[in-house]
Amino acid sequence: MQMFLIPKRSELPELRDFPSGACARGELEGNLDDLVLVNRYLGNGRAVLKQIAAMNSETAGDGFTVLDVATGSADIPIAIAKWARQARIRVGITAVDIDPAIIGIAREKCASYPEVTLAAADGFALPFGNQRFDYVLCSKMAHHFADEQVVRMIKEFARVARRGYVIVDLRRSRVAYCLVRLLARLFSRNRLSRYDGPLSVLKAYTPGELAALATRSGTSIFTMTREPFWLLVLAGRVI
């Protein structure tokens, strides 16, 4: 039964794995808007804030800095900025994405959030010094990569983080695949969302697989948490 519920990990590329020039700007924006809704209603933002709040409560500082890698339309940085404003916590957020077209879209979304600075950057070779940020975040991106790439990514996050990193992704499951496929058909007409959403679930890691990669990175003490709606959260405290 367990083997049936957890299918073999897919190696097929998603449409978003190709350069953004392969699709129209409107189609790309529509896909990013769909991801914002998914993150909002299926708990991605809450999972990130939960980890950041827990880590930040361990220190006596009056503020913190964040690097959000593969930020998309920067909905997670915006959620952190809103939370910090309400909690009267000083925060500085740098949001990066490898695709300049996506950074352009994110910049429009962040016009009212001076806490957020945007830049184009490669998550595997971040242009920042060691321990530059208190926390490094990455959401819904690990499943795009092979094992060795994920290990390399974790090492890079740990390099630029002073306190810790948080990686949120999907959890591979046949049930999740069926539900995401149904939701994509019901609530989106976007070609990218309809194809990539279900495939993302099949490309995702199991908790054991992701924990093994974090162990191989040798960079931190980490916890692995399952959140509702098949979210998986890897939270590392930098050694």
C-alpha atoms as a PDB file:
ATOM      1  CA  MET A   1       0.000   0.000   0.000  1.00  0.00           C
ATOM      2  CA  GLN A   2       2.786   2.451   0.931  1.00  0.00           C
ATOM      3  CA  MET A   3       4.576   1.831  -2.375  1.00  0.00           C
ATOM      4  CA  PHE A   4       1.334   2.489  -4.249  1.00  0.00           C
ATOM      5  CA  LEU A   5       0.678   5.757  -2.392  1.00  0.00           C
ATOM      6  CA  ILE A   6       4.223   7.026  -3.024  1.00  0.00           C
ATOM      7  CA  PRO A   7       5.033   6.767  -6.743  1.00  0.00           C
ATOM      8  CA  LYS A   8       8.520   6.715  -8.215  1.00  0.00           C
ATOM      9  CA  ARG A   9      10.015  10.198  -8.473  1.00  0.00           C
ATOM     10  CA  SER A  10       9.521  11.686 -11.931  1.00  0.00           C
ATOM     11  CA  GLU A  11      12.468  13.109 -13.874  1.00  0.00           C
ATOM     12  CA  LEU A  12      10.364  14.898 -16.490  1.00  0.00           C
ATOM     13  CA  PRO A  13      11.035  18.644 -16.859  1.00  0.00           C
ATOM     14  CA  GLU A  14       8.336  21.149 -16.006  1.00  0.00           C
ATOM     15  CA  LEU A  15       7.441  23.854 -18.513  1.00  0.00           C
ATOM     16  CA  ARG A  16       8.823  26.466 -16.107  1.00  0.00           C
ATOM     17  CA  ASP A  17      12.191  24.680 -16.246  1.00  0.00           C
ATOM     18  CA  PHE A  18      12.631  26.157 -19.712  1.00  0.00           C
ATOM     19  CA  PRO A  19      13.634  29.833 -20.172  1.00  0.00           C
ATOM     20  CA  SER A  20      10.818  32.304 -19.535  1.00  0.00           C
ATOM     21  CA  GLY A  21      11.093  33.455 -23.132  1.00  0.00           C
ATOM     22  CA  ALA A  22       9.402  30.197 -24.141  1.00  0.00           C
ATOM     23  CA  CYS A  23       6.073  31.590 -22.895  1.00  0.00           C
ATOM     24  CA  ALA A  24       4.288  34.924 -23.149  1.00  0.00           C
ATOM     25  CA  ARG A  25       4.560  37.393 -20.250  1.00  0.00           C
ATOM     26  CA  GLY A  26       0.819  37.136 -19.610  1.00  0.00           C
ATOM     27  CA  GLU A  27       1.050  33.368 -19.331  1.00  0.00           C
ATOM     28  CA  LEU A  28       4.015  33.630 -16.948  1.00  0.00           C
ATOM     29  CA  GLU A  29       2.208  36.212 -14.803  1.00  0.00           C
ATOM     30  CA  GLY A  30      -0.890  34.013 -14.711  1.00  0.00           C
ATOM     31  CA  ASN A  31       1.150  31.057 -13.509  1.00  0.00           C
ATOM     32  CA  LEU A  32       2.805  33.154 -10.798  1.00  0.00           C
ATOM     33  CA  ASP A  33      -0.620  34.430  -9.696  1.00  0.00           C
ATOM     34  CA  ASP A  34      -1.824  30.829  -9.448  1.00  0.00           C
ATOM     35  CA  LEU A  35       1.185  29.987  -7.275  1.00  0.00           C
ATOM     36  CA  VAL A  36       0.377  32.914  -4.976  1.00  0.00           C
ATOM     37  CA  LEU A  37      -3.138  31.546  -4.456  1.00  0.00           C
ATOM     38  CA  VAL A  38      -1.810  28.052  -3.825  1.00  0.00           C
ATOM     39  CA  ASN A  39       0.720  29.360  -1.301  1.00  0.00           C
ATOM     40  CA  ARG A  40      -1.939  31.459   0.441  1.00  0.00           C
ATOM     41  CA  TYR A  41      -4.696  28.890   0.758  1.00  0.00           C
ATOM     42  CA  LEU A  42      -2.639  25.724   1.147  1.00  0.00           C
ATOM     43  CA  GLY A  43      -0.415  27.112   3.869  1.00  0.00           C
ATOM     44  CA  ASN A  44       2.998  27.760   2.332  1.00  0.00           C
ATOM     45  CA  GLY A  45       3.253  31.259   3.792  1.00  0.00           C
ATOM     46  CA  ARG A  46       2.034  30.084   7.196  1.00  0.00           C
ATOM     47  CA  ALA A  47       4.634  27.308   7.237  1.00  0.00           C
ATOM     48  CA  VAL A  48       7.441  29.774   6.519  1.00  0.00           C
ATOM     49  CA  LEU A  49       6.267  32.298   9.115  1.00  0.00           C
ATOM     50  CA  LYS A  50       5.919  29.536  11.694  1.00  0.00           C
ATOM     51  CA  GLN A  51       9.570  28.579  11.254  1.00  0.00           C
ATOM     52  CA  ILE A  52      10.861  32.158  11.128  1.00  0.00           C
ATOM     53  CA  ALA A  53       8.932  33.098  14.277  1.00  0.00           C
ATOM     54  CA  ALA A  54      10.259  30.033  16.107  1.00  0.00           C
ATOM     55  CA  MET A  55      13.871  30.677  15.111  1.00  0.00           C
ATOM     56  CA  ASN A  56      13.657  34.407  15.849  1.00  0.00           C
ATOM     57  CA  SER A  57      12.197  33.798  19.321  1.00  0.00           C
ATOM     58  CA  GLU A  58      15.454  32.078  20.280  1.00  0.00           C
ATOM     59  CA  THR A  59      17.390  35.345  20.030  1.00  0.00           C
ATOM     60  CA  ALA A  60      17.061  38.716  21.730  1.00  0.00           C
ATOM     61  CA  GLY A  61      17.529  40.778  18.589  1.00  0.00           C
ATOM     62  CA  ASP A  62      15.049  43.497  17.614  1.00  0.00           C
ATOM     63  CA  GLY A  63      15.084  42.593  13.930  1.00  0.00           C
ATOM     64  CA  PHE A  64      16.447  40.221  11.317  1.00  0.00           C
ATOM     65  CA  THR A  65      17.399  39.863   7.679  1.00  0.00           C
ATOM     66  CA  VAL A  66      16.073  37.339   5.173  1.00  0.00           C
ATOM     67  CA  LEU A  67      17.164  36.072   1.780  1.00  0.00           C
ATOM     68  CA  ASP A  68      14.366  34.488  -0.266  1.00  0.00           C
ATOM     69  CA  VAL A  69      15.757  32.373  -3.105  1.00  0.00           C
ATOM     70  CA  ALA A  70      13.675  31.646  -6.237  1.00  0.00           C
ATOM     71  CA  THR A  71      11.188  34.228  -5.005  1.00  0.00           C
ATOM     72  CA  GLY A  72       8.764  34.116  -7.938  1.00  0.00           C
ATOM     73  CA  SER A  73       6.378  37.041  -7.570  1.00  0.00           C
ATOM     74  CA  ALA A  74       7.705  37.633  -4.015  1.00  0.00           C
ATOM     75  CA  ASP A  75       4.517  36.631  -2.196  1.00  0.00           C
ATOM     76  CA  ILE A  76       6.513  35.058   0.659  1.00  0.00           C
ATOM     77  CA  PRO A  77       8.646  38.198   1.233  1.00  0.00           C
ATOM     78  CA  ILE A  78       5.467  40.289   1.182  1.00  0.00           C
ATOM     79  CA  ALA A  79       3.866  37.967   3.758  1.00  0.00           C
ATOM     80  CA  ILE A  80       6.939  38.311   5.991  1.00  0.00           C
ATOM     81  CA  ALA A  81       6.907  42.112   5.618  1.00  0.00           C
ATOM     82  CA  LYS A  82       3.218  42.271   6.598  1.00  0.00           C
ATOM     83  CA  TRP A  83       3.805  40.011   9.609  1.00  0.00           C
ATOM     84  CA  ALA A  84       6.847  42.035  10.725  1.00  0.00           C
ATOM     85  CA  ARG A  85       4.884  45.285  10.480  1.00  0.00           C
ATOM     86  CA  GLN A  86       2.120  43.896  12.667  1.00  0.00           C
ATOM     87  CA  ALA A  87       4.622  42.503  15.178  1.00  0.00           C
ATOM     88  CA  ARG A  88       6.654  45.759  15.099  1.00  0.00           C
ATOM     89  CA  ILE A  89       9.786  43.858  14.142  1.00  0.00           C
ATOM     90  CA  ARG A  90      12.414  45.478  11.951  1.00  0.00           C
ATOM     91  CA  VAL A  91      13.116  43.300   8.923  1.00  0.00           C
ATOM     92  CA  GLY A  92      15.161  43.538   5.759  1.00  0.00           C
ATOM     93  CA  ILE A  93      14.328  41.099   2.964  1.00  0.00           C
ATOM     94  CA  THR A  94      16.352  40.398  -0.163  1.00  0.00           C
ATOM     95  CA  ALA A  95      14.433  38.413  -2.769  1.00  0.00           C
ATOM     96  CA  VAL A  96      16.252  36.838  -5.711  1.00  0.00           C
ATOM     97  CA  ASP A  97      15.327  34.822  -8.764  1.00  0.00           C
ATOM     98  CA  ILE A  98      17.495  33.618 -11.631  1.00  0.00           C
ATOM     99  CA  ASP A  99      15.032  34.931 -14.222  1.00  0.00           C
ATOM    100  CA  PRO A 100      15.153  38.727 -14.788  1.00  0.00           C
ATOM    101  CA  ALA A 101      11.637  38.615 -16.280  1.00  0.00           C
ATOM    102  CA  ILE A 102      10.287  37.209 -13.030  1.00  0.00           C
ATOM    103  CA  ILE A 103      12.179  39.831 -11.022  1.00  0.00           C
ATOM    104  CA  GLY A 104      10.457  42.491 -13.134  1.00  0.00           C
ATOM    105  CA  ILE A 105       7.053  41.050 -12.228  1.00  0.00           C
ATOM    106  CA  ALA A 106       8.018  40.776  -8.550  1.00  0.00           C
ATOM    107  CA  ARG A 107       9.196  44.392  -8.485  1.00  0.00           C
ATOM    108  CA  GLU A 108       5.712  45.553  -9.487  1.00  0.00           C
ATOM    109  CA  LYS A 109       4.163  43.458  -6.707  1.00  0.00           C
ATOM    110  CA  CYS A 110       6.577  44.859  -4.103  1.00  0.00           C
ATOM    111  CA  ALA A 111       6.099  48.542  -4.908  1.00  0.00           C
ATOM    112  CA  SER A 112       4.480  49.163  -1.499  1.00  0.00           C
ATOM    113  CA  TYR A 113       7.054  47.163   0.471  1.00  0.00           C
ATOM    114  CA  PRO A 114      10.354  49.029   0.889  1.00  0.00           C
ATOM    115  CA  GLU A 115      11.454  46.210   3.207  1.00  0.00           C
ATOM    116  CA  VAL A 116      11.948  44.042   0.105  1.00  0.00           C
ATOM    117  CA  THR A 117      14.954  44.426  -2.207  1.00  0.00           C
ATOM    118  CA  LEU A 118      14.932  42.467  -5.463  1.00  0.00           C
ATOM    119  CA  ALA A 119      17.778  41.170  -7.611  1.00  0.00           C
ATOM    120  CA  ALA A 120      18.511  38.531 -10.240  1.00  0.00           C
ATOM    121  CA  ALA A 121      20.769  35.798  -8.812  1.00  0.00           C
ATOM    122  CA  ASP A 122      21.522  32.094  -9.130  1.00  0.00           C
ATOM    123  CA  GLY A 123      20.595  30.119  -6.015  1.00  0.00           C
ATOM    124  CA  PHE A 124      23.558  27.790  -6.552  1.00  0.00           C
ATOM    125  CA  ALA A 125      26.071  30.658  -6.620  1.00  0.00           C
ATOM    126  CA  LEU A 126      24.652  33.442  -4.492  1.00  0.00           C
ATOM    127  CA  PRO A 127      26.517  36.770  -4.858  1.00  0.00           C
ATOM    128  CA  PHE A 128      26.652  37.366  -1.099  1.00  0.00           C
ATOM    129  CA  GLY A 129      29.306  36.930   1.546  1.00  0.00           C
ATOM    130  CA  ASN A 130      29.336  34.257   4.240  1.00  0.00           C
ATOM    131  CA  GLN A 131      26.685  34.671   6.958  1.00  0.00           C
ATOM    132  CA  ARG A 132      25.245  37.692   5.176  1.00  0.00           C
ATOM    133  CA  PHE A 133      21.618  37.025   6.228  1.00  0.00           C
ATOM    134  CA  ASP A 134      20.008  35.753   9.401  1.00  0.00           C
ATOM    135  CA  TYR A 135      17.736  33.372   7.500  1.00  0.00           C
ATOM    136  CA  VAL A 136      17.628  31.931   3.998  1.00  0.00           C
ATOM    137  CA  LEU A 137      14.310  30.743   2.562  1.00  0.00           C
ATOM    138  CA  CYS A 138      13.355  28.761  -0.495  1.00  0.00           C
ATOM    139  CA  SER A 139       9.840  27.622  -1.386  1.00  0.00           C
ATOM    140  CA  LYS A 140       8.618  25.084  -3.928  1.00  0.00           C
ATOM    141  CA  MET A 141      11.965  24.815  -5.708  1.00  0.00           C
ATOM    142  CA  ALA A 142      13.884  21.754  -4.433  1.00  0.00           C
ATOM    143  CA  HIS A 143      11.755  19.360  -6.476  1.00  0.00           C
ATOM    144  CA  HIS A 144      13.105  20.897  -9.694  1.00  0.00           C
ATOM    145  CA  PHE A 145      16.569  19.504  -9.008  1.00  0.00           C
ATOM    146  CA  ALA A 146      18.471  16.232  -8.806  1.00  0.00           C
ATOM    147  CA  ASP A 147      19.877  14.932  -5.510  1.00  0.00           C
ATOM    148  CA  GLU A 148      23.388  16.347  -5.898  1.00  0.00           C
ATOM    149  CA  GLN A 149      21.991  19.740  -6.845  1.00  0.00           C
ATOM    150  CA  VAL A 150      19.825  19.839  -3.709  1.00  0.00           C
ATOM    151  CA  VAL A 151      22.842  18.988  -1.538  1.00  0.00           C
ATOM    152  CA  ARG A 152      24.776  21.782  -3.227  1.00  0.00           C
ATOM    153  CA  MET A 153      21.857  24.165  -2.733  1.00  0.00           C
ATOM    154  CA  ILE A 154      21.627  23.412   0.999  1.00  0.00           C
ATOM    155  CA  LYS A 155      25.372  24.021   1.372  1.00  0.00           C
ATOM    156  CA  GLU A 156      25.038  27.374  -0.378  1.00  0.00           C
ATOM    157  CA  PHE A 157      22.100  28.399   1.824  1.00  0.00           C
ATOM    158  CA  ALA A 158      24.035  27.432   4.946  1.00  0.00           C
ATOM    159  CA  ARG A 159      27.019  29.457   3.737  1.00  0.00           C
ATOM    160  CA  VAL A 160      25.140  32.769   3.567  1.00  0.00           C
ATOM    161  CA  ALA A 161      22.919  32.160   6.642  1.00  0.00           C
ATOM    162  CA  ARG A 162      23.886  33.239  10.159  1.00  0.00           C
ATOM    163  CA  ARG A 163      21.081  31.487  12.022  1.00  0.00           C
ATOM    164  CA  GLY A 164      19.309  29.056   9.747  1.00  0.00           C
ATOM    165  CA  TYR A 165      17.500  28.201   6.560  1.00  0.00           C
ATOM    166  CA  VAL A 166      13.987  27.035   5.706  1.00  0.00           C
ATOM    167  CA  ILE A 167      13.178  24.961   2.632  1.00  0.00           C
ATOM    168  CA  VAL A 168       9.490  24.347   1.937  1.00  0.00           C
ATOM    169  CA  ASP A 169       8.377  21.981  -0.772  1.00  0.00           C
ATOM    170  CA  LEU A 170       5.735  19.491  -1.729  1.00  0.00           C
ATOM    171  CA  ARG A 171       5.628  15.931  -0.429  1.00  0.00           C
ATOM    172  CA  ARG A 172       5.379  13.232  -3.080  1.00  0.00           C
ATOM    173  CA  SER A 173       2.111  11.339  -2.910  1.00  0.00           C
ATOM    174  CA  ARG A 174      -0.256   9.765  -5.403  1.00  0.00           C
ATOM    175  CA  VAL A 175      -3.234  11.202  -3.498  1.00  0.00           C
ATOM    176  CA  ALA A 176      -1.702  14.698  -3.607  1.00  0.00           C
ATOM    177  CA  TYR A 177      -1.062  14.304  -7.319  1.00  0.00           C
ATOM    178  CA  CYS A 178      -4.689  13.436  -8.019  1.00  0.00           C
ATOM    179  CA  LEU A 179      -6.011  16.326  -5.932  1.00  0.00           C
ATOM    180  CA  VAL A 180      -3.612  18.892  -7.399  1.00  0.00           C
ATOM    181  CA  ARG A 181      -4.440  17.711 -10.896  1.00  0.00           C
ATOM    182  CA  LEU A 182      -8.157  18.120 -10.158  1.00  0.00           C
ATOM    183  CA  LEU A 183      -7.707  21.578  -8.602  1.00  0.00           C
ATOM    184  CA  ALA A 184      -5.570  22.743 -11.520  1.00  0.00           C
ATOM    185  CA  ARG A 185      -8.280  21.705 -13.970  1.00  0.00           C
ATOM    186  CA  LEU A 186     -11.082  23.284 -11.930  1.00  0.00           C
ATOM    187  CA  PHE A 187      -9.517  26.606 -10.982  1.00  0.00           C
ATOM    188  CA  SER A 188      -6.971  27.502 -13.657  1.00  0.00           C
ATOM    189  CA  ARG A 189      -6.920  27.828 -17.415  1.00  0.00           C
ATOM    190  CA  ASN A 190      -3.216  28.567 -17.412  1.00  0.00           C
ATOM    191  CA  ARG A 191      -1.209  26.059 -19.444  1.00  0.00           C
ATOM    192  CA  LEU A 192       1.812  26.239 -17.135  1.00  0.00           C
ATOM    193  CA  SER A 193      -0.240  25.749 -13.974  1.00  0.00           C
ATOM    194  CA  ARG A 194      -2.218  22.841 -15.391  1.00  0.00           C
ATOM    195  CA  TYR A 195       0.880  20.963 -16.517  1.00  0.00           C
ATOM    196  CA  ASP A 196       3.478  21.911 -13.901  1.00  0.00           C
ATOM    197  CA  GLY A 197       1.278  21.720 -10.794  1.00  0.00           C
ATOM    198  CA  PRO A 198       0.559  17.969 -10.865  1.00  0.00           C
ATOM    199  CA  LEU A 199       4.035  17.167 -12.196  1.00  0.00           C
ATOM    200  CA  SER A 200       5.593  19.099  -9.291  1.00  0.00           C
ATOM    201  CA  VAL A 201       4.045  16.589  -6.885  1.00  0.00           C
ATOM    202  CA  LEU A 202       5.529  13.658  -8.797  1.00  0.00           C
ATOM    203  CA  LYS A 203       8.957  15.346  -8.842  1.00  0.00           C
ATOM    204  CA  ALA A 204       8.887  16.112  -5.101  1.00  0.00           C
ATOM    205  CA  TYR A 205      10.884  14.320  -2.401  1.00  0.00           C
ATOM    206  CA  THR A 206       9.616  12.202   0.470  1.00  0.00           C
ATOM    207  CA  PRO A 207      10.590  13.248   4.023  1.00  0.00           C
ATOM    208  CA  GLY A 208      13.174  10.471   4.186  1.00  0.00           C
ATOM    209  CA  GLU A 209      14.730  11.424   0.867  1.00  0.00           C
ATOM    210  CA  LEU A 210      15.024  15.116   1.708  1.00  0.00           C
ATOM    211  CA  ALA A 211      16.364  14.357   5.195  1.00  0.00           C
ATOM    212  CA  ALA A 212      19.057  12.143   3.650  1.00  0.00           C
ATOM    213  CA  LEU A 213      20.131  14.998   1.374  1.00  0.00           C
ATOM    214  CA  ALA A 214      20.253  17.434   4.305  1.00  0.00           C
ATOM    215  CA  THR A 215      22.411  14.941   6.207  1.00  0.00           C
ATOM    216  CA  ARG A 216      24.757  14.614   3.230  1.00  0.00           C
ATOM    217  CA  SER A 217      25.205  18.385   3.137  1.00  0.00           C
ATOM    218  CA  GLY A 218      26.750  18.221   6.625  1.00  0.00           C
ATOM    219  CA  THR A 219      25.936  21.860   7.259  1.00  0.00           C
ATOM    220  CA  SER A 220      23.399  22.035  10.066  1.00  0.00           C
ATOM    221  CA  ILE A 221      21.216  20.536  12.722  1.00  0.00           C
ATOM    222  CA  PHE A 222      17.838  20.217  11.042  1.00  0.00           C
ATOM    223  CA  THR A 223      14.233  19.243  11.631  1.00  0.00           C
ATOM    224  CA  MET A 224      11.814  17.787   9.115  1.00  0.00           C
ATOM    225  CA  THR A 225       8.157  18.740   9.526  1.00  0.00           C
ATOM    226  CA  ARG A 226       5.069  17.634   7.658  1.00  0.00           C
ATOM    227  CA  GLU A 227       2.529  20.399   7.269  1.00  0.00           C
ATOM    228  CA  PRO A 228      -1.075  20.127   6.001  1.00  0.00           C
ATOM    229  CA  PHE A 229      -1.772  19.814   2.284  1.00  0.00           C
ATOM    230  CA  TRP A 230       1.329  17.706   1.642  1.00  0.00           C
ATOM    231  CA  LEU A 231       3.853  20.381   2.496  1.00  0.00           C
ATOM    232  CA  LEU A 232       7.300  19.370   3.678  1.00  0.00           C
ATOM    233  CA  VAL A 233       9.476  21.774   5.704  1.00  0.00           C
ATOM    234  CA  LEU A 234      13.209  21.347   6.179  1.00  0.00           C
ATOM    235  CA  ALA A 235      14.466  23.806   8.814  1.00  0.00           C
ATOM    236  CA  GLY A 236      18.188  23.920   9.514  1.00  0.00           C
ATOM    237  CA  ARG A 237      20.094  25.654  12.280  1.00  0.00           C
ATOM    238  CA  VAL A 238      23.501  26.583  10.920  1.00  0.00           C
ATOM    239  CA  ILE A 239      26.434  25.018  12.774  1.00  0.00           C
END
